[in-house]
Amino acid sequence: MSIERKHTGPRMSQVVIHNDTVYLAGQVAAGAPGRSVAEQTKDILATIDALLAEAKSDKSKILSATIWLTDMAAFSEMNGVWDSWVVSGATPARATVVSAQLASPEFAIEIALIAARA
């Protein structure tokens, strides 16, 4: 059983790879704090693309995604960005839930996912 961890800190790893499954920690818009949900979503998805590439995977191999929004009124705005990013015919299982607050009040969305490498 092999486990590889990337971007590991004292509290968590951003990426954990077990066999051919990639687990990403919840990603927030570090490059777009306080901006619109669409801008934050774009920032997060760019980070996800980079982390998946580093793990030798890509968005066509996403198995499951969980999205947290601080306000469900932003659901359509987020989906507009998400829908243009995901690979048609390879959309993952997904859940979107509301959370009163994320890691910081300047973040309105967080996305975590699981992907395959093979």
C-alpha atoms as a PDB file:
ATOM      1  CA  MET A   1       0.000   0.000   0.000  1.00  0.00           C
ATOM      2  CA  SER A   2       1.588   3.256  -1.097  1.00  0.00           C
ATOM      3  CA  ILE A   3       0.527   6.656   0.180  1.00  0.00           C
ATOM      4  CA  GLU A   4       2.051   9.845  -1.223  1.00  0.00           C
ATOM      5  CA  ARG A   5       1.387  13.279   0.268  1.00  0.00           C
ATOM      6  CA  LYS A   6       2.019  16.635  -1.415  1.00  0.00           C
ATOM      7  CA  HIS A   7       2.043  20.128   0.018  1.00  0.00           C
ATOM      8  CA  THR A   8       1.972  18.713   3.523  1.00  0.00           C
ATOM      9  CA  GLY A   9       1.692  21.054   6.488  1.00  0.00           C
ATOM     10  CA  PRO A  10       1.239  20.564  10.213  1.00  0.00           C
ATOM     11  CA  ARG A  11      -2.552  20.292   9.866  1.00  0.00           C
ATOM     12  CA  MET A  12      -3.195  18.689   6.470  1.00  0.00           C
ATOM     13  CA  SER A  13      -1.899  17.775   3.048  1.00  0.00           C
ATOM     14  CA  GLN A  14      -3.315  19.463  -0.038  1.00  0.00           C
ATOM     15  CA  VAL A  15      -2.994  16.228  -2.030  1.00  0.00           C
ATOM     16  CA  VAL A  16      -2.974  12.608  -0.879  1.00  0.00           C
ATOM     17  CA  ILE A  17      -2.467   9.832  -3.415  1.00  0.00           C
ATOM     18  CA  HIS A  18      -3.293   6.253  -2.476  1.00  0.00           C
ATOM     19  CA  ASN A  19      -2.661   3.719  -5.232  1.00  0.00           C
ATOM     20  CA  ASP A  20      -4.355   5.396  -8.223  1.00  0.00           C
ATOM     21  CA  THR A  21      -6.797   7.595  -6.285  1.00  0.00           C
ATOM     22  CA  VAL A  22      -6.117  11.294  -5.708  1.00  0.00           C
ATOM     23  CA  TYR A  23      -7.734  13.131  -2.788  1.00  0.00           C
ATOM     24  CA  LEU A  24      -7.653  16.933  -2.779  1.00  0.00           C
ATOM     25  CA  ALA A  25      -8.225  18.940   0.384  1.00  0.00           C
ATOM     26  CA  GLY A  26     -10.876  21.634   0.253  1.00  0.00           C
ATOM     27  CA  GLN A  27      -9.593  24.438  -1.960  1.00  0.00           C
ATOM     28  CA  VAL A  28     -10.437  28.098  -1.441  1.00  0.00           C
ATOM     29  CA  ALA A  29      -9.720  31.083  -3.667  1.00  0.00           C
ATOM     30  CA  ALA A  30      -6.337  32.099  -2.258  1.00  0.00           C
ATOM     31  CA  GLY A  31      -5.805  34.252  -5.356  1.00  0.00           C
ATOM     32  CA  ALA A  32      -9.242  35.896  -5.272  1.00  0.00           C
ATOM     33  CA  PRO A  33     -10.363  36.397  -1.648  1.00  0.00           C
ATOM     34  CA  GLY A  34     -13.347  38.691  -1.269  1.00  0.00           C
ATOM     35  CA  ARG A  35     -14.142  38.659  -4.982  1.00  0.00           C
ATOM     36  CA  SER A  36     -17.322  37.396  -6.637  1.00  0.00           C
ATOM     37  CA  VAL A  37     -18.280  33.741  -6.427  1.00  0.00           C
ATOM     38  CA  ALA A  38     -17.558  33.387 -10.161  1.00  0.00           C
ATOM     39  CA  GLU A  39     -14.037  34.790  -9.739  1.00  0.00           C
ATOM     40  CA  GLN A  40     -13.426  32.649  -6.661  1.00  0.00           C
ATOM     41  CA  THR A  41     -14.676  29.560  -8.512  1.00  0.00           C
ATOM     42  CA  LYS A  42     -12.332  30.251 -11.455  1.00  0.00           C
ATOM     43  CA  ASP A  43      -9.411  30.674  -9.068  1.00  0.00           C
ATOM     44  CA  ILE A  44     -10.190  27.417  -7.250  1.00  0.00           C
ATOM     45  CA  LEU A  45     -10.621  25.454 -10.475  1.00  0.00           C
ATOM     46  CA  ALA A  46      -7.248  26.718 -11.758  1.00  0.00           C
ATOM     47  CA  THR A  47      -5.666  25.507  -8.514  1.00  0.00           C
ATOM     48  CA  ILE A  48      -7.428  22.157  -8.868  1.00  0.00           C
ATOM     49  CA  ASP A  49      -6.148  21.813 -12.447  1.00  0.00           C
ATOM     50  CA  ALA A  50      -2.581  22.415 -11.225  1.00  0.00           C
ATOM     51  CA  LEU A  51      -2.852  20.012  -8.279  1.00  0.00           C
ATOM     52  CA  LEU A  52      -4.365  17.278 -10.432  1.00  0.00           C
ATOM     53  CA  ALA A  53      -1.611  17.708 -13.030  1.00  0.00           C
ATOM     54  CA  GLU A  54       0.999  17.427 -10.285  1.00  0.00           C
ATOM     55  CA  ALA A  55      -0.684  14.189  -9.178  1.00  0.00           C
ATOM     56  CA  LYS A  56      -0.682  12.925 -12.788  1.00  0.00           C
ATOM     57  CA  SER A  57      -4.440  13.243 -13.179  1.00  0.00           C
ATOM     58  CA  ASP A  58      -6.837  15.754 -14.725  1.00  0.00           C
ATOM     59  CA  LYS A  59     -10.419  16.981 -14.515  1.00  0.00           C
ATOM     60  CA  SER A  60     -11.675  14.235 -16.847  1.00  0.00           C
ATOM     61  CA  LYS A  61     -10.835  11.746 -14.082  1.00  0.00           C
ATOM     62  CA  ILE A  62     -12.713  13.415 -11.221  1.00  0.00           C
ATOM     63  CA  LEU A  63     -14.893  10.877  -9.447  1.00  0.00           C
ATOM     64  CA  SER A  64     -16.566  13.008  -6.790  1.00  0.00           C
ATOM     65  CA  ALA A  65     -16.713  16.676  -5.804  1.00  0.00           C
ATOM     66  CA  THR A  66     -18.110  18.437  -2.758  1.00  0.00           C
ATOM     67  CA  ILE A  67     -18.778  22.163  -2.961  1.00  0.00           C
ATOM     68  CA  TRP A  68     -19.525  24.421  -0.001  1.00  0.00           C
ATOM     69  CA  LEU A  69     -21.159  27.813  -0.585  1.00  0.00           C
ATOM     70  CA  THR A  70     -21.805  30.403   2.095  1.00  0.00           C
ATOM     71  CA  ASP A  71     -24.960  31.492   0.250  1.00  0.00           C
ATOM     72  CA  MET A  72     -27.074  29.220  -1.963  1.00  0.00           C
ATOM     73  CA  ALA A  73     -28.155  32.345  -3.870  1.00  0.00           C
ATOM     74  CA  ALA A  74     -24.727  32.046  -5.569  1.00  0.00           C
ATOM     75  CA  PHE A  75     -25.481  28.508  -6.826  1.00  0.00           C
ATOM     76  CA  SER A  76     -26.219  29.610 -10.429  1.00  0.00           C
ATOM     77  CA  GLU A  77     -23.184  31.898 -10.524  1.00  0.00           C
ATOM     78  CA  MET A  78     -20.919  29.066  -9.394  1.00  0.00           C
ATOM     79  CA  ASN A  79     -22.542  26.586 -11.787  1.00  0.00           C
ATOM     80  CA  GLY A  80     -21.931  28.928 -14.728  1.00  0.00           C
ATOM     81  CA  VAL A  81     -18.191  28.610 -14.152  1.00  0.00           C
ATOM     82  CA  TRP A  82     -18.290  24.929 -13.139  1.00  0.00           C
ATOM     83  CA  ASP A  83     -20.346  23.891 -16.182  1.00  0.00           C
ATOM     84  CA  SER A  84     -17.869  25.473 -18.611  1.00  0.00           C
ATOM     85  CA  TRP A  85     -14.924  23.827 -16.801  1.00  0.00           C
ATOM     86  CA  VAL A  86     -16.014  20.195 -16.368  1.00  0.00           C
ATOM     87  CA  VAL A  87     -15.486  17.723 -19.185  1.00  0.00           C
ATOM     88  CA  SER A  88     -18.733  16.920 -20.984  1.00  0.00           C
ATOM     89  CA  GLY A  89     -19.552  13.249 -20.559  1.00  0.00           C
ATOM     90  CA  ALA A  90     -17.114  12.936 -17.635  1.00  0.00           C
ATOM     91  CA  THR A  91     -18.938  14.921 -14.967  1.00  0.00           C
ATOM     92  CA  PRO A  92     -18.344  13.651 -11.418  1.00  0.00           C
ATOM     93  CA  ALA A  93     -20.773  12.739  -8.702  1.00  0.00           C
ATOM     94  CA  ARG A  94     -21.279  16.028  -6.863  1.00  0.00           C
ATOM     95  CA  ALA A  95     -22.833  17.546  -3.777  1.00  0.00           C
ATOM     96  CA  THR A  96     -23.285  21.247  -3.070  1.00  0.00           C
ATOM     97  CA  VAL A  97     -24.119  22.379   0.437  1.00  0.00           C
ATOM     98  CA  VAL A  98     -24.393  25.610   2.378  1.00  0.00           C
ATOM     99  CA  SER A  99     -21.959  26.400   5.166  1.00  0.00           C
ATOM    100  CA  ALA A 100     -22.498  29.459   7.338  1.00  0.00           C
ATOM    101  CA  GLN A 101     -18.803  30.300   7.146  1.00  0.00           C
ATOM    102  CA  LEU A 102     -15.689  28.847   5.583  1.00  0.00           C
ATOM    103  CA  ALA A 103     -12.061  29.137   6.754  1.00  0.00           C
ATOM    104  CA  SER A 104     -12.234  32.928   6.455  1.00  0.00           C
ATOM    105  CA  PRO A 105     -15.151  35.319   5.862  1.00  0.00           C
ATOM    106  CA  GLU A 106     -13.547  36.462   2.588  1.00  0.00           C
ATOM    107  CA  PHE A 107     -14.147  33.031   1.048  1.00  0.00           C
ATOM    108  CA  ALA A 108     -17.607  32.269  -0.352  1.00  0.00           C
ATOM    109  CA  ILE A 109     -16.853  28.851  -1.868  1.00  0.00           C
ATOM    110  CA  GLU A 110     -14.702  25.792  -1.156  1.00  0.00           C
ATOM    111  CA  ILE A 111     -14.272  22.698  -3.336  1.00  0.00           C
ATOM    112  CA  ALA A 112     -12.856  19.294  -2.396  1.00  0.00           C
ATOM    113  CA  LEU A 113     -12.627  16.329  -4.718  1.00  0.00           C
ATOM    114  CA  ILE A 114     -11.509  12.794  -5.384  1.00  0.00           C
ATOM    115  CA  ALA A 115     -10.047  11.747  -8.735  1.00  0.00           C
ATOM    116  CA  ALA A 116      -8.517   8.710 -10.396  1.00  0.00           C
ATOM    117  CA  ARG A 117      -5.068   8.699 -11.961  1.00  0.00           C
ATOM    118  CA  ALA A 118      -5.531   5.828 -14.401  1.00  0.00           C
END
